[in-house]
Amino acid sequence: MVAASVQAGQPVMLEVEDQTVELKPEEILVQTQPRPGLAVAADKLATVAVDAEVTPELRLEGLAREVVRRVQAMRKDAASTSLTE
């Protein structure tokens, strides 16, 4: 909520020891840090985070896809070789 107010150019109100303090947007520095295990990309309007943890299941799926890719490449090479002979 603070980051959105700062981006909108609006002041932020804080309660400090039973007193309300108003901070102007230029008095606030907003920094973001991704949580561990997340890959994050951001621009002025949006931030996207993706879980970057490689689970054992995901690793096996990647290996299976690589095997399929290599088999398809070998089939393509074999087909092009037989056409040129």
N, C-alpha and C. Protein backbone atom coordinates (compact mmCIF):
# COMPACT_ATOMS: atom_id res chain seq x y z
N MET A 1 0.82 -1.18 0.00
CA MET A 1 0.00 0.00 0.00
C MET A 1 0.87 1.26 0.00
N VAL A 2 1.97 1.23 0.73
CA VAL A 2 2.87 2.39 0.77
C VAL A 2 3.47 2.61 -0.61
N ALA A 3 3.94 1.54 -1.25
CA ALA A 3 4.55 1.67 -2.58
C ALA A 3 3.55 2.25 -3.57
N ALA A 4 2.30 1.81 -3.52
CA ALA A 4 1.29 2.31 -4.44
C ALA A 4 1.03 3.81 -4.20
N SER A 5 0.99 4.21 -2.94
CA SER A 5 0.78 5.63 -2.63
C SER A 5 1.94 6.48 -3.13
N VAL A 6 3.17 5.99 -2.93
CA VAL A 6 4.35 6.72 -3.39
C VAL A 6 4.34 6.85 -4.89
N GLN A 7 4.03 5.75 -5.60
CA GLN A 7 3.97 5.79 -7.06
C GLN A 7 2.90 6.74 -7.56
N ALA A 8 1.80 6.85 -6.81
CA ALA A 8 0.71 7.74 -7.20
C ALA A 8 0.97 9.19 -6.81
N GLY A 9 2.09 9.43 -6.10
CA GLY A 9 2.42 10.79 -5.70
C GLY A 9 1.64 11.27 -4.49
N GLN A 10 1.10 10.33 -3.72
CA GLN A 10 0.29 10.68 -2.55
C GLN A 10 1.11 10.55 -1.27
N PRO A 11 0.83 11.38 -0.28
CA PRO A 11 1.55 11.25 0.99
C PRO A 11 1.12 9.99 1.73
N VAL A 12 1.98 9.56 2.64
CA VAL A 12 1.71 8.38 3.46
C VAL A 12 1.58 8.84 4.91
N MET A 13 0.52 8.38 5.55
CA MET A 13 0.27 8.75 6.94
C MET A 13 0.70 7.58 7.84
N LEU A 14 1.48 7.91 8.88
CA LEU A 14 1.95 6.91 9.84
C LEU A 14 1.56 7.31 11.25
N GLU A 15 1.27 6.32 12.07
CA GLU A 15 1.02 6.56 13.49
C GLU A 15 2.30 6.27 14.24
N VAL A 16 2.86 7.31 14.89
CA VAL A 16 4.08 7.16 15.67
C VAL A 16 3.83 7.72 17.06
N GLU A 17 3.87 6.84 18.06
CA GLU A 17 3.65 7.25 19.46
C GLU A 17 2.40 8.11 19.61
N ASP A 18 1.29 7.60 19.12
CA ASP A 18 -0.01 8.27 19.22
C ASP A 18 -0.11 9.58 18.45
N GLN A 19 0.81 9.81 17.53
CA GLN A 19 0.75 11.01 16.68
C GLN A 19 0.76 10.57 15.22
N THR A 20 0.04 11.31 14.41
CA THR A 20 0.02 11.04 12.98
C THR A 20 1.11 11.85 12.30
N VAL A 21 1.95 11.15 11.53
CA VAL A 21 3.04 11.79 10.81
C VAL A 21 2.78 11.62 9.32
N GLU A 22 2.89 12.70 8.57
CA GLU A 22 2.68 12.65 7.13
C GLU A 22 4.04 12.70 6.43
N LEU A 23 4.28 11.69 5.57
CA LEU A 23 5.50 11.65 4.77
C LEU A 23 5.15 11.89 3.31
N LYS A 24 5.89 12.80 2.69
CA LYS A 24 5.69 13.08 1.27
C LYS A 24 6.36 11.99 0.44
N PRO A 25 5.88 11.75 -0.78
CA PRO A 25 6.46 10.69 -1.62
C PRO A 25 7.96 10.86 -1.83
N GLU A 26 8.43 12.10 -1.93
CA GLU A 26 9.87 12.31 -2.15
C GLU A 26 10.70 12.04 -0.89
N GLU A 27 10.04 11.84 0.24
CA GLU A 27 10.74 11.51 1.49
C GLU A 27 10.83 10.00 1.72
N ILE A 28 10.25 9.24 0.82
CA ILE A 28 10.17 7.77 0.99
C ILE A 28 10.92 7.08 -0.14
N LEU A 29 11.74 6.12 0.23
CA LEU A 29 12.44 5.29 -0.74
C LEU A 29 11.86 3.89 -0.65
N VAL A 30 11.28 3.42 -1.75
CA VAL A 30 10.68 2.08 -1.78
C VAL A 30 11.64 1.15 -2.49
N GLN A 31 12.02 0.07 -1.80
CA GLN A 31 12.88 -0.95 -2.38
C GLN A 31 12.19 -2.29 -2.24
N THR A 32 12.27 -3.08 -3.29
CA THR A 32 11.68 -4.41 -3.24
C THR A 32 12.77 -5.45 -3.33
N GLN A 33 12.57 -6.56 -2.63
CA GLN A 33 13.49 -7.67 -2.67
C GLN A 33 12.67 -8.95 -2.82
N PRO A 34 13.05 -9.81 -3.77
CA PRO A 34 12.29 -11.05 -3.95
C PRO A 34 12.51 -12.01 -2.80
N ARG A 35 11.52 -12.82 -2.56
CA ARG A 35 11.66 -13.87 -1.56
C ARG A 35 12.63 -14.92 -2.10
N PRO A 36 13.33 -15.61 -1.24
CA PRO A 36 14.23 -16.67 -1.71
C PRO A 36 13.46 -17.72 -2.52
N GLY A 37 14.05 -18.16 -3.62
CA GLY A 37 13.42 -19.18 -4.46
C GLY A 37 12.52 -18.63 -5.54
N LEU A 38 12.36 -17.30 -5.60
CA LEU A 38 11.51 -16.71 -6.62
C LEU A 38 12.36 -15.96 -7.65
N ALA A 39 11.99 -16.10 -8.91
CA ALA A 39 12.57 -15.28 -9.98
C ALA A 39 11.59 -14.15 -10.22
N VAL A 40 12.08 -12.91 -10.19
CA VAL A 40 11.20 -11.74 -10.26
C VAL A 40 11.61 -10.81 -11.39
N ALA A 41 10.59 -10.30 -12.10
CA ALA A 41 10.79 -9.28 -13.13
C ALA A 41 9.76 -8.18 -12.86
N ALA A 42 10.20 -6.93 -13.04
CA ALA A 42 9.29 -5.81 -12.75
C ALA A 42 9.52 -4.67 -13.72
N ASP A 43 8.45 -3.90 -13.94
CA ASP A 43 8.55 -2.64 -14.66
C ASP A 43 7.74 -1.62 -13.86
N LYS A 44 7.40 -0.50 -14.45
CA LYS A 44 6.68 0.54 -13.71
C LYS A 44 5.28 0.12 -13.27
N LEU A 45 4.63 -0.76 -14.04
CA LEU A 45 3.23 -1.08 -13.78
C LEU A 45 3.00 -2.43 -13.11
N ALA A 46 3.92 -3.36 -13.29
CA ALA A 46 3.65 -4.71 -12.79
C ALA A 46 4.92 -5.39 -12.32
N THR A 47 4.73 -6.30 -11.38
CA THR A 47 5.80 -7.16 -10.90
C THR A 47 5.30 -8.59 -10.98
N VAL A 48 6.15 -9.46 -11.55
CA VAL A 48 5.77 -10.86 -11.70
C VAL A 48 6.83 -11.71 -11.00
N ALA A 49 6.38 -12.68 -10.20
CA ALA A 49 7.28 -13.59 -9.52
C ALA A 49 6.91 -15.02 -9.88
N VAL A 50 7.94 -15.81 -10.15
CA VAL A 50 7.73 -17.22 -10.52
C VAL A 50 8.56 -18.08 -9.57
N ASP A 51 7.96 -19.14 -9.08
CA ASP A 51 8.69 -20.08 -8.22
C ASP A 51 9.77 -20.73 -9.04
N ALA A 52 11.03 -20.52 -8.68
CA ALA A 52 12.16 -21.02 -9.46
C ALA A 52 12.75 -22.30 -8.88
N GLU A 53 12.10 -22.88 -7.89
CA GLU A 53 12.60 -24.11 -7.28
C GLU A 53 12.42 -25.27 -8.24
N VAL A 54 13.49 -26.03 -8.45
CA VAL A 54 13.42 -27.21 -9.31
C VAL A 54 13.20 -28.43 -8.42
N THR A 55 11.98 -28.93 -8.43
CA THR A 55 11.64 -30.11 -7.64
C THR A 55 12.13 -31.36 -8.37
N PRO A 56 12.22 -32.49 -7.68
CA PRO A 56 12.62 -33.72 -8.36
C PRO A 56 11.69 -34.07 -9.53
N GLU A 57 10.40 -33.83 -9.36
CA GLU A 57 9.44 -34.12 -10.43
C GLU A 57 9.69 -33.23 -11.64
N LEU A 58 9.96 -31.94 -11.39
CA LEU A 58 10.22 -31.00 -12.47
C LEU A 58 11.51 -31.36 -13.20
N ARG A 59 12.52 -31.77 -12.44
CA ARG A 59 13.79 -32.19 -13.04
C ARG A 59 13.58 -33.39 -13.95
N LEU A 60 12.81 -34.39 -13.51
CA LEU A 60 12.53 -35.56 -14.34
C LEU A 60 11.74 -35.20 -15.59
N GLU A 61 10.79 -34.28 -15.46
CA GLU A 61 10.03 -33.82 -16.63
C GLU A 61 10.95 -33.14 -17.64
N GLY A 62 11.89 -32.34 -17.15
CA GLY A 62 12.85 -31.70 -18.04
C GLY A 62 13.72 -32.71 -18.77
N LEU A 63 14.16 -33.73 -18.04
CA LEU A 63 14.97 -34.79 -18.68
C LEU A 63 14.16 -35.53 -19.75
N ALA A 64 12.90 -35.83 -19.46
CA ALA A 64 12.04 -36.51 -20.43
C ALA A 64 11.86 -35.66 -21.68
N ARG A 65 11.66 -34.37 -21.51
CA ARG A 65 11.51 -33.48 -22.67
C ARG A 65 12.79 -33.43 -23.50
N GLU A 66 13.94 -33.46 -22.82
CA GLU A 66 15.21 -33.44 -23.54
C GLU A 66 15.40 -34.72 -24.35
N VAL A 67 15.01 -35.87 -23.79
CA VAL A 67 15.09 -37.13 -24.52
C VAL A 67 14.21 -37.08 -25.76
N VAL A 68 12.99 -36.60 -25.63
CA VAL A 68 12.07 -36.49 -26.76
C VAL A 68 12.64 -35.55 -27.82
N ARG A 69 13.20 -34.42 -27.39
CA ARG A 69 13.78 -33.46 -28.33
C ARG A 69 14.93 -34.10 -29.11
N ARG A 70 15.77 -34.83 -28.42
CA ARG A 70 16.91 -35.45 -29.11
C ARG A 70 16.47 -36.55 -30.07
N VAL A 71 15.48 -37.33 -29.66
CA VAL A 71 14.96 -38.37 -30.56
C VAL A 71 14.37 -37.74 -31.81
N GLN A 72 13.60 -36.67 -31.65
CA GLN A 72 13.01 -35.99 -32.81
C GLN A 72 14.09 -35.42 -33.72
N ALA A 73 15.15 -34.86 -33.14
CA ALA A 73 16.25 -34.33 -33.95
C ALA A 73 16.94 -35.45 -34.71
N MET A 74 17.14 -36.60 -34.07
CA MET A 74 17.76 -37.74 -34.74
C MET A 74 16.88 -38.25 -35.88
N ARG A 75 15.56 -38.28 -35.65
CA ARG A 75 14.63 -38.71 -36.70
C ARG A 75 14.68 -37.76 -37.88
N LYS A 76 14.73 -36.46 -37.60
CA LYS A 76 14.79 -35.46 -38.67
C LYS A 76 16.08 -35.62 -39.46
N ASP A 77 17.21 -35.79 -38.76
CA ASP A 77 18.48 -36.00 -39.44
C ASP A 77 18.48 -37.26 -40.28
N ALA A 78 17.89 -38.33 -39.76
CA ALA A 78 17.83 -39.59 -40.49
C ALA A 78 16.97 -39.43 -41.74
N ALA A 79 15.87 -38.73 -41.65
CA ALA A 79 14.98 -38.52 -42.79
C ALA A 79 15.66 -37.68 -43.87
N SER A 80 16.38 -36.63 -43.45
CA SER A 80 17.05 -35.79 -44.45
C SER A 80 18.22 -36.52 -45.08
N THR A 81 18.88 -37.41 -44.34
CA THR A 81 20.00 -38.19 -44.87
C THR A 81 19.50 -39.19 -45.92
N SER A 82 18.36 -39.82 -45.62
CA SER A 82 17.83 -40.82 -46.57
C SER A 82 17.31 -40.17 -47.85
N LEU A 83 16.90 -38.92 -47.78
CA LEU A 83 16.42 -38.22 -48.97
C LEU A 83 17.57 -37.82 -49.89
N THR A 84 18.74 -37.57 -49.33
CA THR A 84 19.86 -37.14 -50.14
C THR A 84 20.67 -38.31 -50.71
N GLU A 85 20.40 -39.53 -50.27
CA GLU A 85 21.13 -40.69 -50.78
C GLU A 85 20.50 -41.26 -52.00
